[in-house]
Amino acid sequence: MITSLFFALIGILFTLYVYNRVKKNLFSEKESFFWMIGAFFLFVLSIFPKTIDVISRVLGIAYPPSLLFLIAFIFILFLLFRQSQQISIMNDRFKELVQKNAVLEQKVRYYLDEQQREKQ
C-alpha cells in the first residue's frame, strides 16, 4: 500500500514538474507530451499494480516485472530516436544558417568595398 502511494505521488510530482517546465518555456510541448504519457502510465500502474500481471499473462511473459523493463526500454528507445531526429533537423538548419550568413557577409563586404571605391 505504501509503495503504491509512493509511486502514485512520484507520478503526480513528475507530471507537475513537466507541466511547470513547459509553462516556463524550458521544455517543448511536443516532447512533454511523451513524458506526460510516461508519468500517467506510472500513476495508473501504481494505483492498479495487478495490471502488469494481467498484461504479462496476455502477452505470455512469465515474469511480470520484466514487462515493466520491456516497456521502459521501448519508451527510452522511442525518446532517443525522437531526440536523434531533432538533432539531425537542428544540424541541417544550422548548416543552412551558416551558409546564408556567409553569403550575407560576402554581400556586405562587397557593398563596403564599393563604398570605399566611390569615396576615392
PDB file of N, CA and C in Angstrom:
ATOM      1  N   MET A   1       0.814  -1.197   0.000  1.00  0.00           N
ATOM      2  CA  MET A   1       0.000   0.000   0.000  1.00  0.00           C
ATOM      3  C   MET A   1       0.855   1.258   0.000  1.00  0.00           C
ATOM      4  N   ILE A   2       1.881   1.271   0.870  1.00  0.00           N
ATOM      5  CA  ILE A   2       2.772   2.436   0.949  1.00  0.00           C
ATOM      6  C   ILE A   2       3.522   2.594  -0.370  1.00  0.00           C
ATOM      7  N   THR A   3       3.939   1.481  -0.964  1.00  0.00           N
ATOM      8  CA  THR A   3       4.661   1.541  -2.233  1.00  0.00           C
ATOM      9  C   THR A   3       3.778   2.124  -3.328  1.00  0.00           C
ATOM     10  N   SER A   4       2.524   1.714  -3.357  1.00  0.00           N
ATOM     11  CA  SER A   4       1.594   2.243  -4.360  1.00  0.00           C
ATOM     12  C   SER A   4       1.411   3.742  -4.194  1.00  0.00           C
ATOM     13  N   LEU A   5       1.252   4.186  -2.953  1.00  0.00           N
ATOM     14  CA  LEU A   5       1.113   5.619  -2.697  1.00  0.00           C
ATOM     15  C   LEU A   5       2.379   6.381  -3.089  1.00  0.00           C
ATOM     16  N   PHE A   6       3.528   5.780  -2.801  1.00  0.00           N
ATOM     17  CA  PHE A   6       4.799   6.416  -3.140  1.00  0.00           C
ATOM     18  C   PHE A   6       4.918   6.625  -4.650  1.00  0.00           C
ATOM     19  N   PHE A   7       4.635   5.571  -5.415  1.00  0.00           N
ATOM     20  CA  PHE A   7       4.759   5.689  -6.867  1.00  0.00           C
ATOM     21  C   PHE A   7       3.663   6.559  -7.478  1.00  0.00           C
ATOM     22  N   ALA A   8       2.483   6.568  -6.860  1.00  0.00           N
ATOM     23  CA  ALA A   8       1.429   7.477  -7.325  1.00  0.00           C
ATOM     24  C   ALA A   8       1.866   8.918  -7.099  1.00  0.00           C
ATOM     25  N   LEU A   9       2.461   9.187  -5.952  1.00  0.00           N
ATOM     26  CA  LEU A   9       2.968  10.528  -5.656  1.00  0.00           C
ATOM     27  C   LEU A   9       4.079  10.919  -6.619  1.00  0.00           C
ATOM     28  N   ILE A  10       4.966   9.968  -6.930  1.00  0.00           N
ATOM     29  CA  ILE A  10       6.048  10.234  -7.895  1.00  0.00           C
ATOM     30  C   ILE A  10       5.448  10.583  -9.256  1.00  0.00           C
ATOM     31  N   GLY A  11       4.438   9.834  -9.687  1.00  0.00           N
ATOM     32  CA  GLY A  11       3.785  10.112 -10.972  1.00  0.00           C
ATOM     33  C   GLY A  11       3.161  11.498 -11.003  1.00  0.00           C
ATOM     34  N   ILE A  12       2.483  11.871  -9.931  1.00  0.00           N
ATOM     35  CA  ILE A  12       1.856  13.196  -9.868  1.00  0.00           C
ATOM     36  C   ILE A  12       2.918  14.297  -9.842  1.00  0.00           C
ATOM     37  N   LEU A  13       3.948  14.119  -9.019  1.00  0.00           N
ATOM     38  CA  LEU A  13       5.014  15.132  -8.942  1.00  0.00           C
ATOM     39  C   LEU A  13       5.747  15.279 -10.272  1.00  0.00           C
ATOM     40  N   PHE A  14       5.962  14.170 -10.944  1.00  0.00           N
ATOM     41  CA  PHE A  14       6.640  14.238 -12.240  1.00  0.00           C
ATOM     42  C   PHE A  14       5.778  14.964 -13.271  1.00  0.00           C
ATOM     43  N   THR A  15       4.479  14.696 -13.252  1.00  0.00           N
ATOM     44  CA  THR A  15       3.558  15.393 -14.153  1.00  0.00           C
ATOM     45  C   THR A  15       3.581  16.892 -13.882  1.00  0.00           C
ATOM     46  N   LEU A  16       3.549  17.272 -12.620  1.00  0.00           N
ATOM     47  CA  LEU A  16       3.598  18.691 -12.259  1.00  0.00           C
ATOM     48  C   LEU A  16       4.926  19.327 -12.656  1.00  0.00           C
ATOM     49  N   TYR A  17       6.016  18.581 -12.495  1.00  0.00           N
ATOM     50  CA  TYR A  17       7.336  19.092 -12.871  1.00  0.00           C
ATOM     51  C   TYR A  17       7.404  19.364 -14.384  1.00  0.00           C
ATOM     52  N   VAL A  18       6.929  18.415 -15.188  1.00  0.00           N
ATOM     53  CA  VAL A  18       6.946  18.592 -16.646  1.00  0.00           C
ATOM     54  C   VAL A  18       6.049  19.762 -17.034  1.00  0.00           C
ATOM     55  N   TYR A  19       4.882  19.852 -16.416  1.00  0.00           N
ATOM     56  CA  TYR A  19       3.960  20.963 -16.706  1.00  0.00           C
ATOM     57  C   TYR A  19       4.623  22.308 -16.375  1.00  0.00           C
ATOM     58  N   ASN A  20       5.309  22.354 -15.247  1.00  0.00           N
ATOM     59  CA  ASN A  20       5.997  23.587 -14.842  1.00  0.00           C
ATOM     60  C   ASN A  20       7.095  23.968 -15.839  1.00  0.00           C
ATOM     61  N   ARG A  21       7.842  22.988 -16.323  1.00  0.00           N
ATOM     62  CA  ARG A  21       8.908  23.249 -17.302  1.00  0.00           C
ATOM     63  C   ARG A  21       8.327  23.790 -18.613  1.00  0.00           C
ATOM     64  N   VAL A  22       7.184  23.242 -19.030  1.00  0.00           N
ATOM     65  CA  VAL A  22       6.536  23.706 -20.264  1.00  0.00           C
ATOM     66  C   VAL A  22       6.007  25.118 -20.063  1.00  0.00           C
ATOM     67  N   LYS A  23       5.425  25.362 -18.910  1.00  0.00           N
ATOM     68  CA  LYS A  23       4.857  26.680 -18.610  1.00  0.00           C
ATOM     69  C   LYS A  23       5.933  27.767 -18.626  1.00  0.00           C
ATOM     70  N   LYS A  24       7.150  27.427 -18.197  1.00  0.00           N
ATOM     71  CA  LYS A  24       8.258  28.388 -18.180  1.00  0.00           C
ATOM     72  C   LYS A  24       9.044  28.393 -19.499  1.00  0.00           C
ATOM     73  N   ASN A  25       8.522  27.713 -20.511  1.00  0.00           N
ATOM     74  CA  ASN A  25       9.168  27.607 -21.828  1.00  0.00           C
ATOM     75  C   ASN A  25      10.569  27.010 -21.757  1.00  0.00           C
ATOM     76  N   LEU A  26      10.775  26.069 -20.852  1.00  0.00           N
ATOM     77  CA  LEU A  26      12.044  25.364 -20.760  1.00  0.00           C
ATOM     78  C   LEU A  26      11.976  23.974 -21.393  1.00  0.00           C
ATOM     79  N   PHE A  27      10.790  23.638 -21.882  1.00  0.00           N
ATOM     80  CA  PHE A  27      10.569  22.314 -22.453  1.00  0.00           C
ATOM     81  C   PHE A  27       9.487  22.455 -23.511  1.00  0.00           C
ATOM     82  N   SER A  28       9.636  21.797 -24.649  1.00  0.00           N
ATOM     83  CA  SER A  28       8.646  21.948 -25.718  1.00  0.00           C
ATOM     84  C   SER A  28       7.392  21.124 -25.424  1.00  0.00           C
ATOM     85  N   GLU A  29       6.280  21.600 -25.957  1.00  0.00           N
ATOM     86  CA  GLU A  29       5.017  20.912 -25.745  1.00  0.00           C
ATOM     87  C   GLU A  29       5.013  19.534 -26.387  1.00  0.00           C
ATOM     88  N   LYS A  30       5.644  19.432 -27.556  1.00  0.00           N
ATOM     89  CA  LYS A  30       5.691  18.146 -28.260  1.00  0.00           C
ATOM     90  C   LYS A  30       6.388  17.086 -27.421  1.00  0.00           C
ATOM     91  N   GLU A  31       7.554  17.429 -26.894  1.00  0.00           N
ATOM     92  CA  GLU A  31       8.319  16.461 -26.119  1.00  0.00           C
ATOM     93  C   GLU A  31       7.671  16.185 -24.771  1.00  0.00           C
ATOM     94  N   SER A  32       7.025  17.184 -24.194  1.00  0.00           N
ATOM     95  CA  SER A  32       6.404  16.989 -22.885  1.00  0.00           C
ATOM     96  C   SER A  32       5.248  16.010 -22.960  1.00  0.00           C
ATOM     97  N   PHE A  33       4.625  15.924 -24.117  1.00  0.00           N
ATOM     98  CA  PHE A  33       3.504  15.002 -24.289  1.00  0.00           C
ATOM     99  C   PHE A  33       3.922  13.568 -23.958  1.00  0.00           C
ATOM    100  N   PHE A  34       5.082  13.148 -24.450  1.00  0.00           N
ATOM    101  CA  PHE A  34       5.535  11.776 -24.220  1.00  0.00           C
ATOM    102  C   PHE A  34       5.914  11.556 -22.753  1.00  0.00           C
ATOM    103  N   TRP A  35       6.490  12.568 -22.123  1.00  0.00           N
ATOM    104  CA  TRP A  35       6.828  12.447 -20.705  1.00  0.00           C
ATOM    105  C   TRP A  35       5.564  12.406 -19.859  1.00  0.00           C
ATOM    106  N   MET A  36       4.547  13.150 -20.272  1.00  0.00           N
ATOM    107  CA  MET A  36       3.264  13.104 -19.547  1.00  0.00           C
ATOM    108  C   MET A  36       2.633  11.717 -19.664  1.00  0.00           C
ATOM    109  N   ILE A  37       2.740  11.120 -20.837  1.00  0.00           N
ATOM    110  CA  ILE A  37       2.218   9.758 -21.019  1.00  0.00           C
ATOM    111  C   ILE A  37       2.945   8.798 -20.079  1.00  0.00           C
ATOM    112  N   GLY A  38       4.273   8.939 -20.007  1.00  0.00           N
ATOM    113  CA  GLY A  38       5.051   8.087 -19.099  1.00  0.00           C
ATOM    114  C   GLY A  38       4.657   8.281 -17.646  1.00  0.00           C
ATOM    115  N   ALA A  39       4.466   9.528 -17.242  1.00  0.00           N
ATOM    116  CA  ALA A  39       4.062   9.807 -15.859  1.00  0.00           C
ATOM    117  C   ALA A  39       2.663   9.260 -15.585  1.00  0.00           C
ATOM    118  N   PHE A  40       1.753   9.405 -16.555  1.00  0.00           N
ATOM    119  CA  PHE A  40       0.404   8.875 -16.396  1.00  0.00           C
ATOM    120  C   PHE A  40       0.437   7.350 -16.280  1.00  0.00           C
ATOM    121  N   PHE A  41       1.278   6.725 -17.107  1.00  0.00           N
ATOM    122  CA  PHE A  41       1.423   5.271 -17.075  1.00  0.00           C
ATOM    123  C   PHE A  41       1.933   4.836 -15.699  1.00  0.00           C
ATOM    124  N   LEU A  42       2.902   5.547 -15.158  1.00  0.00           N
ATOM    125  CA  LEU A  42       3.433   5.249 -13.829  1.00  0.00           C
ATOM    126  C   LEU A  42       2.341   5.405 -12.774  1.00  0.00           C
ATOM    127  N   PHE A  43       1.552   6.464 -12.891  1.00  0.00           N
ATOM    128  CA  PHE A  43       0.471   6.714 -11.938  1.00  0.00           C
ATOM    129  C   PHE A  43      -0.568   5.593 -11.982  1.00  0.00           C
ATOM    130  N   VAL A  44      -0.989   5.211 -13.180  1.00  0.00           N
ATOM    131  CA  VAL A  44      -2.008   4.156 -13.325  1.00  0.00           C
ATOM    132  C   VAL A  44      -1.485   2.829 -12.789  1.00  0.00           C
ATOM    133  N   LEU A  45      -0.239   2.500 -13.103  1.00  0.00           N
ATOM    134  CA  LEU A  45       0.314   1.236 -12.612  1.00  0.00           C
ATOM    135  C   LEU A  45       0.496   1.238 -11.106  1.00  0.00           C
ATOM    136  N   SER A  46       0.726   2.397 -10.513  1.00  0.00           N
ATOM    137  CA  SER A  46       0.859   2.435  -9.054  1.00  0.00           C
ATOM    138  C   SER A  46      -0.496   2.258  -8.370  1.00  0.00           C
ATOM    139  N   ILE A  47      -1.555   2.712  -9.008  1.00  0.00           N
ATOM    140  CA  ILE A  47      -2.895   2.545  -8.429  1.00  0.00           C
ATOM    141  C   ILE A  47      -3.413   1.125  -8.668  1.00  0.00           C
ATOM    142  N   PHE A  48      -3.154   0.599  -9.868  1.00  0.00           N
ATOM    143  CA  PHE A  48      -3.613  -0.744 -10.226  1.00  0.00           C
ATOM    144  C   PHE A  48      -2.408  -1.632 -10.554  1.00  0.00           C
ATOM    145  N   PRO A  49      -1.676  -2.100  -9.542  1.00  0.00           N
ATOM    146  CA  PRO A  49      -0.456  -2.872  -9.804  1.00  0.00           C
ATOM    147  C   PRO A  49      -0.706  -4.231 -10.463  1.00  0.00           C
ATOM    148  N   LYS A  50      -1.894  -4.777 -10.317  1.00  0.00           N
ATOM    149  CA  LYS A  50      -2.196  -6.079 -10.937  1.00  0.00           C
ATOM    150  C   LYS A  50      -2.331  -5.976 -12.455  1.00  0.00           C
ATOM    151  N   THR A  51      -2.378  -4.758 -12.977  1.00  0.00           N
ATOM    152  CA  THR A  51      -2.494  -4.559 -14.420  1.00  0.00           C
ATOM    153  C   THR A  51      -1.303  -5.185 -15.143  1.00  0.00           C
ATOM    154  N   ILE A  52      -0.124  -5.051 -14.561  1.00  0.00           N
ATOM    155  CA  ILE A  52       1.086  -5.638 -15.163  1.00  0.00           C
ATOM    156  C   ILE A  52       0.963  -7.154 -15.221  1.00  0.00           C
ATOM    157  N   ASP A  53       0.427  -7.761 -14.161  1.00  0.00           N
ATOM    158  CA  ASP A  53       0.245  -9.216 -14.162  1.00  0.00           C
ATOM    159  C   ASP A  53      -0.693  -9.656 -15.287  1.00  0.00           C
ATOM    160  N   VAL A  54      -1.793  -8.946 -15.443  1.00  0.00           N
ATOM    161  CA  VAL A  54      -2.781  -9.297 -16.475  1.00  0.00           C
ATOM    162  C   VAL A  54      -2.177  -9.133 -17.866  1.00  0.00           C
ATOM    163  N   ILE A  55      -1.532  -8.004 -18.098  1.00  0.00           N
ATOM    164  CA  ILE A  55      -0.946  -7.751 -19.427  1.00  0.00           C
ATOM    165  C   ILE A  55       0.151  -8.761 -19.733  1.00  0.00           C
ATOM    166  N   SER A  56       0.992  -9.076 -18.736  1.00  0.00           N
ATOM    167  CA  SER A  56       2.064 -10.042 -18.984  1.00  0.00           C
ATOM    168  C   SER A  56       1.494 -11.435 -19.250  1.00  0.00           C
ATOM    169  N   ARG A  57       0.415 -11.809 -18.577  1.00  0.00           N
ATOM    170  CA  ARG A  57      -0.221 -13.095 -18.851  1.00  0.00           C
ATOM    171  C   ARG A  57      -0.774 -13.141 -20.273  1.00  0.00           C
ATOM    172  N   VAL A  58      -1.405 -12.036 -20.704  1.00  0.00           N
ATOM    173  CA  VAL A  58      -1.974 -11.969 -22.061  1.00  0.00           C
ATOM    174  C   VAL A  58      -0.864 -12.073 -23.106  1.00  0.00           C
ATOM    175  N   LEU A  59       0.276 -11.415 -22.847  1.00  0.00           N
ATOM    176  CA  LEU A  59       1.388 -11.436 -23.795  1.00  0.00           C
ATOM    177  C   LEU A  59       2.261 -12.687 -23.679  1.00  0.00           C
ATOM    178  N   GLY A  60       2.018 -13.490 -22.659  1.00  0.00           N
ATOM    179  CA  GLY A  60       2.783 -14.718 -22.493  1.00  0.00           C
ATOM    180  C   GLY A  60       4.135 -14.497 -21.849  1.00  0.00           C
ATOM    181  N   ILE A  61       4.276 -13.455 -21.065  1.00  0.00           N
ATOM    182  CA  ILE A  61       5.528 -13.159 -20.365  1.00  0.00           C
ATOM    183  C   ILE A  61       5.433 -13.795 -18.987  1.00  0.00           C
ATOM    184  N   ALA A  62       6.389 -14.674 -18.677  1.00  0.00           N
ATOM    185  CA  ALA A  62       6.331 -15.453 -17.447  1.00  0.00           C
ATOM    186  C   ALA A  62       6.605 -14.620 -16.199  1.00  0.00           C
ATOM    187  N   TYR A  63       7.491 -13.661 -16.288  1.00  0.00           N
ATOM    188  CA  TYR A  63       7.877 -12.861 -15.127  1.00  0.00           C
ATOM    189  C   TYR A  63       7.377 -11.433 -15.329  1.00  0.00           C
ATOM    190  N   PRO A  64       6.271 -11.044 -14.679  1.00  0.00           N
ATOM    191  CA  PRO A  64       5.648  -9.739 -14.924  1.00  0.00           C
ATOM    192  C   PRO A  64       6.554  -8.512 -14.794  1.00  0.00           C
ATOM    193  N   PRO A  65       7.477  -8.455 -13.814  1.00  0.00           N
ATOM    194  CA  PRO A  65       8.337  -7.269 -13.761  1.00  0.00           C
ATOM    195  C   PRO A  65       9.200  -7.073 -15.016  1.00  0.00           C
ATOM    196  N   SER A  66       9.471  -8.152 -15.738  1.00  0.00           N
ATOM    197  CA  SER A  66      10.240  -7.990 -16.970  1.00  0.00           C
ATOM    198  C   SER A  66       9.453  -7.212 -18.021  1.00  0.00           C
ATOM    199  N   LEU A  67       8.126  -7.251 -17.939  1.00  0.00           N
ATOM    200  CA  LEU A  67       7.294  -6.450 -18.829  1.00  0.00           C
ATOM    201  C   LEU A  67       7.529  -4.962 -18.569  1.00  0.00           C
ATOM    202  N   LEU A  68       7.690  -4.583 -17.300  1.00  0.00           N
ATOM    203  CA  LEU A  68       7.999  -3.192 -16.968  1.00  0.00           C
ATOM    204  C   LEU A  68       9.310  -2.757 -17.612  1.00  0.00           C
ATOM    205  N   PHE A  69      10.316  -3.606 -17.533  1.00  0.00           N
ATOM    206  CA  PHE A  69      11.603  -3.278 -18.155  1.00  0.00           C
ATOM    207  C   PHE A  69      11.482  -3.191 -19.669  1.00  0.00           C
ATOM    208  N   LEU A  70      10.690  -4.072 -20.257  1.00  0.00           N
ATOM    209  CA  LEU A  70      10.475  -4.024 -21.700  1.00  0.00           C
ATOM    210  C   LEU A  70       9.786  -2.724 -22.107  1.00  0.00           C
ATOM    211  N   ILE A  71       8.750  -2.355 -21.375  1.00  0.00           N
ATOM    212  CA  ILE A  71       8.038  -1.104 -21.675  1.00  0.00           C
ATOM    213  C   ILE A  71       8.964   0.090 -21.501  1.00  0.00           C
ATOM    214  N   ALA A  72       9.735   0.112 -20.407  1.00  0.00           N
ATOM    215  CA  ALA A  72      10.664   1.216 -20.159  1.00  0.00           C
ATOM    216  C   ALA A  72      11.729   1.275 -21.256  1.00  0.00           C
ATOM    217  N   PHE A  73      12.220   0.127 -21.671  1.00  0.00           N
ATOM    218  CA  PHE A  73      13.243   0.060 -22.719  1.00  0.00           C
ATOM    219  C   PHE A  73      12.696   0.611 -24.039  1.00  0.00           C
ATOM    220  N   ILE A  74      11.497   0.202 -24.409  1.00  0.00           N
ATOM    221  CA  ILE A  74      10.879   0.684 -25.650  1.00  0.00           C
ATOM    222  C   ILE A  74      10.613   2.182 -25.567  1.00  0.00           C
ATOM    223  N   PHE A  75      10.136   2.649 -24.419  1.00  0.00           N
ATOM    224  CA  PHE A  75       9.864   4.072 -24.212  1.00  0.00           C
ATOM    225  C   PHE A  75      11.147   4.889 -24.354  1.00  0.00           C
ATOM    226  N   ILE A  76      12.225   4.427 -23.738  1.00  0.00           N
ATOM    227  CA  ILE A  76      13.501   5.144 -23.813  1.00  0.00           C
ATOM    228  C   ILE A  76      14.057   5.115 -25.235  1.00  0.00           C
ATOM    229  N   LEU A  77      13.942   3.988 -25.917  1.00  0.00           N
ATOM    230  CA  LEU A  77      14.387   3.922 -27.310  1.00  0.00           C
ATOM    231  C   LEU A  77      13.603   4.890 -28.191  1.00  0.00           C
ATOM    232  N   PHE A  78      12.304   4.969 -27.966  1.00  0.00           N
ATOM    233  CA  PHE A  78      11.465   5.890 -28.726  1.00  0.00           C
ATOM    234  C   PHE A  78      11.908   7.333 -28.488  1.00  0.00           C
ATOM    235  N   LEU A  79      12.124   7.699 -27.221  1.00  0.00           N
ATOM    236  CA  LEU A  79      12.561   9.055 -26.906  1.00  0.00           C
ATOM    237  C   LEU A  79      13.951   9.343 -27.486  1.00  0.00           C
ATOM    238  N   LEU A  80      14.821   8.369 -27.447  1.00  0.00           N
ATOM    239  CA  LEU A  80      16.160   8.528 -28.020  1.00  0.00           C
ATOM    240  C   LEU A  80      16.076   8.741 -29.530  1.00  0.00           C
ATOM    241  N   PHE A  81      15.199   8.000 -30.185  1.00  0.00           N
ATOM    242  CA  PHE A  81      15.016   8.164 -31.622  1.00  0.00           C
ATOM    243  C   PHE A  81      14.500   9.563 -31.941  1.00  0.00           C
ATOM    244  N   ARG A  82      13.524  10.036 -31.150  1.00  0.00           N
ATOM    245  CA  ARG A  82      12.987  11.390 -31.358  1.00  0.00           C
ATOM    246  C   ARG A  82      14.075  12.447 -31.154  1.00  0.00           C
ATOM    247  N   GLN A  83      14.911  12.258 -30.153  1.00  0.00           N
ATOM    248  CA  GLN A  83      15.984  13.217 -29.911  1.00  0.00           C
ATOM    249  C   GLN A  83      16.985  13.199 -31.069  1.00  0.00           C
ATOM    250  N   SER A  84      17.278  12.031 -31.593  1.00  0.00           N
ATOM    251  CA  SER A  84      18.186  11.934 -32.741  1.00  0.00           C
ATOM    252  C   SER A  84      17.595  12.649 -33.949  1.00  0.00           C
ATOM    253  N   GLN A  85      16.300  12.520 -34.156  1.00  0.00           N
ATOM    254  CA  GLN A  85      15.643  13.237 -35.245  1.00  0.00           C
ATOM    255  C   GLN A  85      15.775  14.741 -35.052  1.00  0.00           C
ATOM    256  N   GLN A  86      15.533  15.205 -33.846  1.00  0.00           N
ATOM    257  CA  GLN A  86      15.613  16.637 -33.559  1.00  0.00           C
ATOM    258  C   GLN A  86      17.031  17.159 -33.774  1.00  0.00           C
ATOM    259  N   ILE A  87      18.025  16.401 -33.358  1.00  0.00           N
ATOM    260  CA  ILE A  87      19.420  16.807 -33.556  1.00  0.00           C
ATOM    261  C   ILE A  87      19.744  16.888 -35.038  1.00  0.00           C
ATOM    262  N   SER A  88      19.272  15.925 -35.805  1.00  0.00           N
ATOM    263  CA  SER A  88      19.511  15.931 -37.247  1.00  0.00           C
ATOM    264  C   SER A  88      18.877  17.149 -37.905  1.00  0.00           C
ATOM    265  N   ILE A  89      17.645  17.454 -37.528  1.00  0.00           N
ATOM    266  CA  ILE A  89      16.959  18.623 -38.083  1.00  0.00           C
ATOM    267  C   ILE A  89      17.698  19.896 -37.701  1.00  0.00           C
ATOM    268  N   MET A  90      18.122  19.990 -36.448  1.00  0.00           N
ATOM    269  CA  MET A  90      18.846  21.188 -35.991  1.00  0.00           C
ATOM    270  C   MET A  90      20.183  21.341 -36.725  1.00  0.00           C
ATOM    271  N   ASN A  91      20.868  20.238 -36.968  1.00  0.00           N
ATOM    272  CA  ASN A  91      22.129  20.315 -37.709  1.00  0.00           C
ATOM    273  C   ASN A  91      21.911  20.833 -39.126  1.00  0.00           C
ATOM    274  N   ASP A  92      20.856  20.367 -39.768  1.00  0.00           N
ATOM    275  CA  ASP A  92      20.541  20.848 -41.119  1.00  0.00           C
ATOM    276  C   ASP A  92      20.214  22.335 -41.106  1.00  0.00           C
ATOM    277  N   ARG A  93      19.433  22.756 -40.128  1.00  0.00           N
ATOM    278  CA  ARG A  93      19.091  24.185 -40.016  1.00  0.00           C
ATOM    279  C   ARG A  93      20.332  25.021 -39.724  1.00  0.00           C
ATOM    280  N   PHE A  94      21.203  24.509 -38.875  1.00  0.00           N
ATOM    281  CA  PHE A  94      22.429  25.225 -38.537  1.00  0.00           C
ATOM    282  C   PHE A  94      23.313  25.395 -39.771  1.00  0.00           C
ATOM    283  N   LYS A  95      23.449  24.329 -40.550  1.00  0.00           N
ATOM    284  CA  LYS A  95      24.267  24.402 -41.758  1.00  0.00           C
ATOM    285  C   LYS A  95      23.691  25.426 -42.733  1.00  0.00           C
ATOM    286  N   GLU A  96      22.370  25.425 -42.869  1.00  0.00           N
ATOM    287  CA  GLU A  96      21.719  26.383 -43.764  1.00  0.00           C
ATOM    288  C   GLU A  96      21.932  27.821 -43.280  1.00  0.00           C
ATOM    289  N   LEU A  97      21.835  28.042 -41.978  1.00  0.00           N
ATOM    290  CA  LEU A  97      22.060  29.378 -41.426  1.00  0.00           C
ATOM    291  C   LEU A  97      23.499  29.846 -41.620  1.00  0.00           C
ATOM    292  N   VAL A  98      24.449  28.947 -41.446  1.00  0.00           N
ATOM    293  CA  VAL A  98      25.858  29.300 -41.650  1.00  0.00           C
ATOM    294  C   VAL A  98      26.093  29.680 -43.105  1.00  0.00           C
ATOM    295  N   GLN A  99      25.489  28.941 -44.022  1.00  0.00           N
ATOM    296  CA  GLN A  99      25.652  29.266 -45.443  1.00  0.00           C
ATOM    297  C   GLN A  99      25.011  30.610 -45.779  1.00  0.00           C
ATOM    298  N   LYS A 100      23.826  30.867 -45.258  1.00  0.00           N
ATOM    299  CA  LYS A 100      23.181  32.158 -45.506  1.00  0.00           C
ATOM    300  C   LYS A 100      23.991  33.298 -44.901  1.00  0.00           C
ATOM    301  N   ASN A 101      24.547  33.074 -43.723  1.00  0.00           N
ATOM    302  CA  ASN A 101      25.368  34.087 -43.073  1.00  0.00           C
ATOM    303  C   ASN A 101      26.615  34.385 -43.910  1.00  0.00           C
ATOM    304  N   ALA A 102      27.237  33.371 -44.470  1.00  0.00           N
ATOM    305  CA  ALA A 102      28.420  33.574 -45.298  1.00  0.00           C
ATOM    306  C   ALA A 102      28.081  34.397 -46.543  1.00  0.00           C
ATOM    307  N   VAL A 103      26.946  34.107 -47.153  1.00  0.00           N
ATOM    308  CA  VAL A 103      26.526  34.867 -48.331  1.00  0.00           C
ATOM    309  C   VAL A 103      26.271  36.324 -47.952  1.00  0.00           C
ATOM    310  N   LEU A 104      25.601  36.559 -46.844  1.00  0.00           N
ATOM    311  CA  LEU A 104      25.329  37.923 -46.404  1.00  0.00           C
ATOM    312  C   LEU A 104      26.608  38.677 -46.061  1.00  0.00           C
ATOM    313  N   GLU A 105      27.549  38.002 -45.416  1.00  0.00           N
ATOM    314  CA  GLU A 105      28.832  38.649 -45.111  1.00  0.00           C
ATOM    315  C   GLU A 105      29.556  39.044 -46.390  1.00  0.00           C
ATOM    316  N   GLN A 106      29.501  38.188 -47.381  1.00  0.00           N
ATOM    317  CA  GLN A 106      30.144  38.480 -48.650  1.00  0.00           C
ATOM    318  C   GLN A 106      29.486  39.689 -49.322  1.00  0.00           C
ATOM    319  N   LYS A 107      28.155  39.767 -49.262  1.00  0.00           N
ATOM    320  CA  LYS A 107      27.448  40.911 -49.843  1.00  0.00           C
ATOM    321  C   LYS A 107      27.798  42.197 -49.111  1.00  0.00           C
ATOM    322  N   VAL A 108      27.892  42.146 -47.787  1.00  0.00           N
ATOM    323  CA  VAL A 108      28.232  43.334 -47.003  1.00  0.00           C
ATOM    324  C   VAL A 108      29.649  43.788 -47.331  1.00  0.00           C
ATOM    325  N   ARG A 109      30.578  42.854 -47.412  1.00  0.00           N
ATOM    326  CA  ARG A 109      31.962  43.223 -47.761  1.00  0.00           C
ATOM    327  C   ARG A 109      32.023  43.858 -49.145  1.00  0.00           C
ATOM    328  N   TYR A 110      31.293  43.298 -50.086  1.00  0.00           N
ATOM    329  CA  TYR A 110      31.260  43.842 -51.437  1.00  0.00           C
ATOM    330  C   TYR A 110      30.691  45.262 -51.414  1.00  0.00           C
ATOM    331  N   TYR A 111      29.613  45.449 -50.662  1.00  0.00           N
ATOM    332  CA  TYR A 111      28.987  46.770 -50.558  1.00  0.00           C
ATOM    333  C   TYR A 111      29.954  47.773 -49.917  1.00  0.00           C
ATOM    334  N   LEU A 112      30.636  47.365 -48.858  1.00  0.00           N
ATOM    335  CA  LEU A 112      31.591  48.263 -48.193  1.00  0.00           C
ATOM    336  C   LEU A 112      32.774  48.590 -49.109  1.00  0.00           C
ATOM    337  N   ASP A 113      33.227  47.607 -49.853  1.00  0.00           N
ATOM    338  CA  ASP A 113      34.313  47.861 -50.809  1.00  0.00           C
ATOM    339  C   ASP A 113      33.862  48.860 -51.873  1.00  0.00           C
ATOM    340  N   GLU A 114      32.625  48.730 -52.337  1.00  0.00           N
ATOM    341  CA  GLU A 114      32.084  49.670 -53.322  1.00  0.00           C
ATOM    342  C   GLU A 114      32.001  51.077 -52.729  1.00  0.00           C
ATOM    343  N   GLN A 115      31.602  51.176 -51.493  1.00  0.00           N
ATOM    344  CA  GLN A 115      31.510  52.471 -50.830  1.00  0.00           C
ATOM    345  C   GLN A 115      32.879  53.136 -50.710  1.00  0.00           C
ATOM    346  N   GLN A 116      33.897  52.344 -50.380  1.00  0.00           N
ATOM    347  CA  GLN A 116      35.243  52.886 -50.253  1.00  0.00           C
ATOM    348  C   GLN A 116      35.783  53.323 -51.614  1.00  0.00           C
ATOM    349  N   ARG A 117      35.490  52.580 -52.661  1.00  0.00           N
ATOM    350  CA  ARG A 117      35.955  52.946 -54.002  1.00  0.00           C
ATOM    351  C   ARG A 117      35.304  54.249 -54.466  1.00  0.00           C
ATOM    352  N   GLU A 118      34.027  54.435 -54.117  1.00  0.00           N
ATOM    353  CA  GLU A 118      33.339  55.665 -54.501  1.00  0.00           C
ATOM    354  C   GLU A 118      33.929  56.878 -53.778  1.00  0.00           C
ATOM    355  N   LYS A 119      34.392  56.699 -52.558  1.00  0.00           N
ATOM    356  CA  LYS A 119      34.972  57.811 -51.807  1.00  0.00           C
ATOM    357  C   LYS A 119      36.318  58.232 -52.397  1.00  0.00           C
ATOM    358  N   GLN A 120      37.017  57.300 -52.977  1.00  0.00           N
ATOM    359  CA  GLN A 120      38.347  57.613 -53.516  1.00  0.00           C
ATOM    360  C   GLN A 120      38.217  58.223 -54.830  1.00  0.00           C
TER     361      GLN A 120
END
